Amino acid sequence: MPDRIQNSHALHLDHIAQIALTVRDLARSKAFYTDVLGMRFLFSAGTMEFFQCGPIRLMLGLPEHPITPAGTILYFKVPDIHSAHATLRDRGVFFVQSPHLVTRMPAYDLWLAFFKDPDDNTLALMGEIAPTEL
């Protein structure tokens, strides 16, 4: 057992392979993530739907027990946050907060915009804008 404890210091969890969101209506959520957000659908497995989101797999699933999905936010990095915001708004997405400057970094300004999916999960657009682009 001491070897396991000593070796545990070398472990660094830094690669997320999959994120799961609990939804109330699987068909409605599948349509939102494919038709509105444009995610690539991978497969279904019982009460779960899987999508490819860059290097991460996103799973939407029905809850086994009643839960509240508070506290989890998915951030989607986009090359042009203002254009992405306009496109999604035109598709009927409700934004709780439009694109806004969060902080100025040495190489870019970090912008965020928050919106909701049909199950009231919070999602966000993230844009890194070079200071000269403003």
N, C-alpha and C. Protein backbone atom coordinates (compact mmCIF):
# COMPACT_ATOMS: atom_id res chain seq x y z
N MET A 1 0.80 -1.20 0.00
CA MET A 1 0.00 0.00 0.00
C MET A 1 0.85 1.27 0.00
N PRO A 2 1.95 1.36 0.72
CA PRO A 2 2.77 2.58 0.70
C PRO A 2 3.25 2.92 -0.71
N ASP A 3 3.54 1.91 -1.57
CA ASP A 3 3.98 2.18 -2.93
C ASP A 3 2.89 2.91 -3.71
N ARG A 4 1.65 2.52 -3.50
CA ARG A 4 0.54 3.18 -4.20
C ARG A 4 0.44 4.64 -3.79
N ILE A 5 0.56 4.91 -2.51
CA ILE A 5 0.48 6.29 -2.03
C ILE A 5 1.63 7.11 -2.59
N GLN A 6 2.82 6.57 -2.57
CA GLN A 6 3.98 7.28 -3.08
C GLN A 6 3.84 7.53 -4.59
N ASN A 7 3.39 6.55 -5.35
CA ASN A 7 3.24 6.70 -6.79
C ASN A 7 2.07 7.60 -7.18
N SER A 8 1.13 7.81 -6.26
CA SER A 8 -0.03 8.62 -6.59
C SER A 8 0.35 10.07 -6.88
N HIS A 9 1.50 10.52 -6.41
CA HIS A 9 1.93 11.89 -6.67
C HIS A 9 2.26 12.11 -8.14
N ALA A 10 2.53 11.05 -8.89
CA ALA A 10 2.84 11.18 -10.32
C ALA A 10 1.58 11.29 -11.17
N LEU A 11 0.43 11.03 -10.61
CA LEU A 11 -0.82 11.07 -11.35
C LEU A 11 -1.30 12.50 -11.50
N HIS A 12 -1.59 12.90 -12.74
CA HIS A 12 -2.13 14.23 -13.03
C HIS A 12 -3.32 14.06 -13.96
N LEU A 13 -4.50 14.28 -13.45
CA LEU A 13 -5.70 14.18 -14.28
C LEU A 13 -5.83 15.48 -15.06
N ASP A 14 -5.51 15.42 -16.35
CA ASP A 14 -5.54 16.64 -17.16
C ASP A 14 -6.15 16.44 -18.54
N HIS A 15 -6.82 15.32 -18.74
CA HIS A 15 -7.44 15.07 -20.04
C HIS A 15 -8.87 14.58 -19.81
N ILE A 16 -9.83 15.41 -20.12
CA ILE A 16 -11.23 15.02 -19.97
C ILE A 16 -11.65 14.30 -21.25
N ALA A 17 -12.16 13.10 -21.11
CA ALA A 17 -12.57 12.30 -22.25
C ALA A 17 -14.07 12.44 -22.53
N GLN A 18 -14.86 12.63 -21.48
CA GLN A 18 -16.31 12.69 -21.66
C GLN A 18 -16.93 13.55 -20.57
N ILE A 19 -17.96 14.28 -20.95
CA ILE A 19 -18.76 15.06 -20.01
C ILE A 19 -20.19 14.59 -20.16
N ALA A 20 -20.89 14.44 -19.03
CA ALA A 20 -22.28 14.01 -19.05
C ALA A 20 -23.18 15.12 -18.53
N LEU A 21 -24.29 15.33 -19.22
CA LEU A 21 -25.32 16.25 -18.77
C LEU A 21 -26.61 15.48 -18.61
N THR A 22 -27.32 15.73 -17.53
CA THR A 22 -28.61 15.10 -17.31
C THR A 22 -29.69 15.97 -17.96
N VAL A 23 -30.58 15.33 -18.68
CA VAL A 23 -31.65 16.05 -19.38
C VAL A 23 -32.99 15.42 -19.02
N ARG A 24 -34.08 16.16 -19.29
CA ARG A 24 -35.43 15.65 -18.98
C ARG A 24 -36.10 15.03 -20.20
N ASP A 25 -35.80 15.54 -21.38
CA ASP A 25 -36.43 15.06 -22.62
C ASP A 25 -35.31 14.75 -23.62
N LEU A 26 -35.01 13.48 -23.79
CA LEU A 26 -33.86 13.07 -24.60
C LEU A 26 -34.00 13.48 -26.07
N ALA A 27 -35.17 13.30 -26.64
CA ALA A 27 -35.38 13.65 -28.05
C ALA A 27 -35.23 15.15 -28.27
N ARG A 28 -35.81 15.96 -27.39
CA ARG A 28 -35.71 17.41 -27.51
C ARG A 28 -34.26 17.87 -27.36
N SER A 29 -33.54 17.29 -26.42
CA SER A 29 -32.15 17.66 -26.21
C SER A 29 -31.27 17.22 -27.37
N LYS A 30 -31.52 16.02 -27.90
CA LYS A 30 -30.75 15.56 -29.06
C LYS A 30 -30.94 16.53 -30.22
N ALA A 31 -32.16 16.96 -30.47
CA ALA A 31 -32.42 17.91 -31.56
C ALA A 31 -31.71 19.24 -31.31
N PHE A 32 -31.71 19.73 -30.08
CA PHE A 32 -31.05 21.00 -29.76
C PHE A 32 -29.55 20.90 -30.01
N TYR A 33 -28.92 19.85 -29.52
CA TYR A 33 -27.47 19.74 -29.65
C TYR A 33 -27.03 19.45 -31.09
N THR A 34 -27.86 18.76 -31.87
CA THR A 34 -27.49 18.51 -33.28
C THR A 34 -27.94 19.64 -34.19
N ASP A 35 -29.22 20.00 -34.14
CA ASP A 35 -29.78 20.96 -35.09
C ASP A 35 -29.44 22.41 -34.76
N VAL A 36 -29.43 22.77 -33.49
CA VAL A 36 -29.18 24.16 -33.12
C VAL A 36 -27.69 24.42 -32.89
N LEU A 37 -27.03 23.56 -32.10
CA LEU A 37 -25.61 23.77 -31.81
C LEU A 37 -24.70 23.15 -32.86
N GLY A 38 -25.21 22.27 -33.69
CA GLY A 38 -24.42 21.70 -34.78
C GLY A 38 -23.41 20.65 -34.35
N MET A 39 -23.64 19.97 -33.24
CA MET A 39 -22.70 18.93 -32.80
C MET A 39 -22.90 17.66 -33.62
N ARG A 40 -21.81 16.92 -33.76
CA ARG A 40 -21.84 15.67 -34.52
C ARG A 40 -22.34 14.54 -33.61
N PHE A 41 -23.49 13.96 -33.97
CA PHE A 41 -24.06 12.85 -33.22
C PHE A 41 -23.23 11.61 -33.46
N LEU A 42 -22.94 10.86 -32.39
CA LEU A 42 -22.15 9.63 -32.49
C LEU A 42 -23.03 8.38 -32.43
N PHE A 43 -23.73 8.20 -31.30
CA PHE A 43 -24.54 6.99 -31.13
C PHE A 43 -25.48 7.14 -29.95
N SER A 44 -26.46 6.25 -29.90
CA SER A 44 -27.40 6.14 -28.78
C SER A 44 -27.10 4.87 -28.02
N ALA A 45 -27.36 4.90 -26.73
CA ALA A 45 -27.21 3.71 -25.89
C ALA A 45 -28.27 3.77 -24.79
N GLY A 46 -29.39 3.14 -25.04
CA GLY A 46 -30.48 3.16 -24.06
C GLY A 46 -31.01 4.56 -23.84
N THR A 47 -30.87 5.07 -22.62
CA THR A 47 -31.36 6.40 -22.27
C THR A 47 -30.26 7.46 -22.37
N MET A 48 -29.30 7.23 -23.28
CA MET A 48 -28.18 8.15 -23.45
C MET A 48 -27.94 8.44 -24.93
N GLU A 49 -27.51 9.67 -25.22
CA GLU A 49 -27.13 10.10 -26.57
C GLU A 49 -25.71 10.65 -26.48
N PHE A 50 -24.86 10.28 -27.46
CA PHE A 50 -23.47 10.70 -27.42
C PHE A 50 -23.12 11.56 -28.64
N PHE A 51 -22.31 12.59 -28.40
CA PHE A 51 -21.91 13.53 -29.43
C PHE A 51 -20.40 13.75 -29.36
N GLN A 52 -19.80 14.08 -30.51
CA GLN A 52 -18.39 14.44 -30.53
C GLN A 52 -18.30 15.95 -30.42
N CYS A 53 -17.50 16.41 -29.51
CA CYS A 53 -17.32 17.84 -29.26
C CYS A 53 -15.82 18.10 -29.19
N GLY A 54 -15.19 18.24 -30.37
CA GLY A 54 -13.73 18.33 -30.40
C GLY A 54 -13.15 17.02 -29.90
N PRO A 55 -12.17 17.08 -29.01
CA PRO A 55 -11.59 15.84 -28.49
C PRO A 55 -12.40 15.20 -27.36
N ILE A 56 -13.49 15.85 -26.96
CA ILE A 56 -14.29 15.37 -25.83
C ILE A 56 -15.62 14.81 -26.32
N ARG A 57 -16.04 13.72 -25.71
CA ARG A 57 -17.35 13.15 -26.02
C ARG A 57 -18.34 13.71 -25.00
N LEU A 58 -19.50 14.15 -25.49
CA LEU A 58 -20.56 14.65 -24.64
C LEU A 58 -21.67 13.63 -24.59
N MET A 59 -22.11 13.29 -23.37
CA MET A 59 -23.20 12.36 -23.19
C MET A 59 -24.38 13.09 -22.59
N LEU A 60 -25.54 12.95 -23.21
CA LEU A 60 -26.79 13.45 -22.65
C LEU A 60 -27.56 12.23 -22.17
N GLY A 61 -28.07 12.29 -20.96
CA GLY A 61 -28.77 11.12 -20.44
C GLY A 61 -29.92 11.48 -19.53
N LEU A 62 -30.88 10.57 -19.47
CA LEU A 62 -32.00 10.72 -18.55
C LEU A 62 -31.54 10.33 -17.15
N PRO A 63 -32.02 11.02 -16.12
CA PRO A 63 -31.57 10.70 -14.76
C PRO A 63 -32.18 9.39 -14.26
N GLU A 64 -31.40 8.68 -13.45
CA GLU A 64 -31.93 7.48 -12.80
C GLU A 64 -32.78 7.89 -11.60
N HIS A 65 -32.40 9.02 -10.98
CA HIS A 65 -33.11 9.56 -9.82
C HIS A 65 -33.26 11.05 -10.04
N PRO A 66 -34.27 11.68 -9.43
CA PRO A 66 -34.43 13.13 -9.60
C PRO A 66 -33.19 13.88 -9.13
N ILE A 67 -32.68 14.78 -9.99
CA ILE A 67 -31.51 15.58 -9.62
C ILE A 67 -31.70 17.00 -10.15
N THR A 68 -30.91 17.89 -9.64
CA THR A 68 -30.88 19.27 -10.13
C THR A 68 -29.51 19.49 -10.75
N PRO A 69 -29.45 19.87 -12.02
CA PRO A 69 -28.14 20.02 -12.67
C PRO A 69 -27.46 21.36 -12.40
N ALA A 70 -27.54 21.87 -11.19
CA ALA A 70 -26.93 23.17 -10.88
C ALA A 70 -25.42 23.05 -10.75
N GLY A 71 -24.74 24.08 -11.19
CA GLY A 71 -23.31 24.16 -10.97
C GLY A 71 -22.42 23.73 -12.10
N THR A 72 -22.90 23.02 -13.09
CA THR A 72 -22.07 22.57 -14.20
C THR A 72 -22.27 23.50 -15.39
N ILE A 73 -21.17 23.97 -15.96
CA ILE A 73 -21.22 24.82 -17.14
C ILE A 73 -20.26 24.25 -18.17
N LEU A 74 -20.74 24.08 -19.41
CA LEU A 74 -19.88 23.69 -20.52
C LEU A 74 -19.48 24.95 -21.27
N TYR A 75 -18.19 25.11 -21.52
CA TYR A 75 -17.66 26.26 -22.24
C TYR A 75 -17.20 25.80 -23.61
N PHE A 76 -17.76 26.41 -24.67
CA PHE A 76 -17.39 26.09 -26.04
C PHE A 76 -16.50 27.20 -26.58
N LYS A 77 -15.25 26.86 -26.86
CA LYS A 77 -14.33 27.85 -27.42
C LYS A 77 -14.66 28.04 -28.89
N VAL A 78 -14.88 29.29 -29.29
CA VAL A 78 -15.23 29.61 -30.67
C VAL A 78 -14.24 30.66 -31.20
N PRO A 79 -13.99 30.65 -32.52
CA PRO A 79 -13.03 31.61 -33.07
C PRO A 79 -13.56 33.04 -33.10
N ASP A 80 -14.88 33.23 -33.20
CA ASP A 80 -15.48 34.56 -33.24
C ASP A 80 -16.73 34.54 -32.38
N ILE A 81 -16.60 35.00 -31.14
CA ILE A 81 -17.70 34.91 -30.19
C ILE A 81 -18.91 35.74 -30.61
N HIS A 82 -18.68 36.88 -31.24
CA HIS A 82 -19.79 37.73 -31.64
C HIS A 82 -20.60 37.09 -32.78
N SER A 83 -19.91 36.48 -33.72
CA SER A 83 -20.58 35.80 -34.82
C SER A 83 -21.32 34.56 -34.31
N ALA A 84 -20.68 33.78 -33.43
CA ALA A 84 -21.32 32.58 -32.87
C ALA A 84 -22.56 32.98 -32.07
N HIS A 85 -22.47 34.05 -31.31
CA HIS A 85 -23.60 34.55 -30.53
C HIS A 85 -24.76 34.92 -31.46
N ALA A 86 -24.46 35.65 -32.52
CA ALA A 86 -25.51 36.07 -33.47
C ALA A 86 -26.16 34.87 -34.15
N THR A 87 -25.34 33.90 -34.54
CA THR A 87 -25.88 32.70 -35.21
C THR A 87 -26.81 31.93 -34.29
N LEU A 88 -26.38 31.70 -33.06
CA LEU A 88 -27.22 30.94 -32.12
C LEU A 88 -28.46 31.72 -31.73
N ARG A 89 -28.33 33.03 -31.57
CA ARG A 89 -29.50 33.86 -31.25
C ARG A 89 -30.52 33.77 -32.39
N ASP A 90 -30.02 33.79 -33.64
CA ASP A 90 -30.90 33.65 -34.80
C ASP A 90 -31.58 32.29 -34.85
N ARG A 91 -30.97 31.29 -34.23
CA ARG A 91 -31.55 29.94 -34.18
C ARG A 91 -32.50 29.78 -33.00
N GLY A 92 -32.73 30.86 -32.26
CA GLY A 92 -33.68 30.82 -31.15
C GLY A 92 -33.09 30.51 -29.79
N VAL A 93 -31.76 30.52 -29.67
CA VAL A 93 -31.13 30.24 -28.37
C VAL A 93 -31.33 31.45 -27.45
N PHE A 94 -31.72 31.18 -26.21
CA PHE A 94 -31.89 32.23 -25.22
C PHE A 94 -30.58 32.45 -24.48
N PHE A 95 -30.03 33.65 -24.60
CA PHE A 95 -28.79 34.01 -23.90
C PHE A 95 -29.14 34.73 -22.61
N VAL A 96 -28.59 34.23 -21.51
CA VAL A 96 -28.78 34.90 -20.22
C VAL A 96 -27.76 36.02 -20.05
N GLN A 97 -26.69 35.97 -20.84
CA GLN A 97 -25.69 37.04 -20.81
C GLN A 97 -25.01 37.07 -22.17
N SER A 98 -25.07 38.22 -22.83
CA SER A 98 -24.45 38.41 -24.14
C SER A 98 -22.93 38.43 -24.00
N PRO A 99 -22.21 38.36 -25.14
CA PRO A 99 -20.74 38.40 -25.06
C PRO A 99 -20.26 39.63 -24.28
N HIS A 100 -19.35 39.36 -23.36
CA HIS A 100 -18.80 40.43 -22.52
C HIS A 100 -17.36 40.10 -22.15
N LEU A 101 -16.58 41.13 -21.94
CA LEU A 101 -15.18 41.00 -21.55
C LEU A 101 -15.10 40.52 -20.11
N VAL A 102 -14.30 39.45 -19.89
CA VAL A 102 -14.13 38.91 -18.55
C VAL A 102 -12.80 39.37 -17.96
N THR A 103 -11.74 39.27 -18.76
CA THR A 103 -10.42 39.70 -18.28
C THR A 103 -9.50 39.94 -19.46
N ARG A 104 -8.53 40.77 -19.23
CA ARG A 104 -7.49 41.03 -20.23
C ARG A 104 -6.25 40.22 -19.86
N MET A 105 -5.84 39.34 -20.78
CA MET A 105 -4.65 38.53 -20.59
C MET A 105 -3.53 39.17 -21.40
N PRO A 106 -2.28 38.73 -21.21
CA PRO A 106 -1.20 39.34 -21.99
C PRO A 106 -1.36 39.19 -23.51
N ALA A 107 -1.86 38.05 -23.98
CA ALA A 107 -1.94 37.80 -25.42
C ALA A 107 -3.35 37.98 -26.00
N TYR A 108 -4.36 38.02 -25.16
CA TYR A 108 -5.74 38.12 -25.66
C TYR A 108 -6.65 38.64 -24.56
N ASP A 109 -7.86 39.05 -24.96
CA ASP A 109 -8.92 39.40 -24.03
C ASP A 109 -9.91 38.24 -24.01
N LEU A 110 -10.27 37.79 -22.83
CA LEU A 110 -11.18 36.66 -22.67
C LEU A 110 -12.62 37.16 -22.58
N TRP A 111 -13.47 36.66 -23.51
CA TRP A 111 -14.88 37.02 -23.57
C TRP A 111 -15.72 35.79 -23.34
N LEU A 112 -16.88 35.96 -22.68
CA LEU A 112 -17.82 34.87 -22.44
C LEU A 112 -19.25 35.33 -22.76
N ALA A 113 -20.09 34.38 -23.13
CA ALA A 113 -21.52 34.60 -23.31
C ALA A 113 -22.23 33.35 -22.83
N PHE A 114 -23.25 33.49 -21.98
CA PHE A 114 -23.92 32.35 -21.36
C PHE A 114 -25.32 32.16 -21.93
N PHE A 115 -25.68 30.88 -22.15
CA PHE A 115 -27.01 30.54 -22.65
C PHE A 115 -27.49 29.25 -22.02
N LYS A 116 -28.75 28.91 -22.29
CA LYS A 116 -29.37 27.73 -21.68
C LYS A 116 -29.77 26.73 -22.75
N ASP A 117 -29.69 25.45 -22.39
CA ASP A 117 -30.24 24.41 -23.27
C ASP A 117 -31.69 24.16 -22.85
N PRO A 118 -32.41 23.27 -23.53
CA PRO A 118 -33.83 23.06 -23.19
C PRO A 118 -34.08 22.55 -21.78
N ASP A 119 -33.06 22.00 -21.11
CA ASP A 119 -33.23 21.49 -19.76
C ASP A 119 -32.67 22.44 -18.70
N ASP A 120 -32.41 23.68 -19.12
CA ASP A 120 -31.92 24.73 -18.23
C ASP A 120 -30.47 24.52 -17.78
N ASN A 121 -29.73 23.65 -18.50
CA ASN A 121 -28.30 23.54 -18.24
C ASN A 121 -27.64 24.81 -18.78
N THR A 122 -26.66 25.33 -18.06
CA THR A 122 -25.96 26.52 -18.50
C THR A 122 -24.81 26.12 -19.41
N LEU A 123 -24.74 26.77 -20.57
CA LEU A 123 -23.67 26.59 -21.53
C LEU A 123 -23.06 27.96 -21.79
N ALA A 124 -21.84 27.98 -22.33
CA ALA A 124 -21.20 29.27 -22.58
C ALA A 124 -20.37 29.22 -23.84
N LEU A 125 -20.30 30.36 -24.50
CA LEU A 125 -19.34 30.56 -25.58
C LEU A 125 -18.13 31.25 -24.97
N MET A 126 -16.95 30.84 -25.40
CA MET A 126 -15.70 31.44 -24.91
C MET A 126 -14.91 31.91 -26.11
N GLY A 127 -14.51 33.17 -26.08
CA GLY A 127 -13.71 33.71 -27.16
C GLY A 127 -12.45 34.37 -26.64
N GLU A 128 -11.35 34.10 -27.31
CA GLU A 128 -10.09 34.75 -26.99
C GLU A 128 -9.81 35.71 -28.12
N ILE A 129 -9.93 37.00 -27.83
CA ILE A 129 -9.82 38.03 -28.85
C ILE A 129 -8.53 38.83 -28.65
N ALA A 130 -7.73 38.89 -29.71
CA ALA A 130 -6.51 39.69 -29.64
C ALA A 130 -6.89 41.13 -29.40
N PRO A 131 -6.16 41.84 -28.54
CA PRO A 131 -6.51 43.23 -28.23
C PRO A 131 -6.65 44.13 -29.46
N THR A 132 -5.95 43.84 -30.54
CA THR A 132 -6.02 44.67 -31.74
C THR A 132 -7.30 44.41 -32.53
N GLU A 133 -8.03 43.31 -32.24
CA GLU A 133 -9.25 42.97 -32.96
C GLU A 133 -10.46 43.72 -32.43
N LEU A 134 -10.34 44.39 -31.28
CA LEU A 134 -11.49 45.03 -30.65
C LEU A 134 -11.89 46.30 -31.33
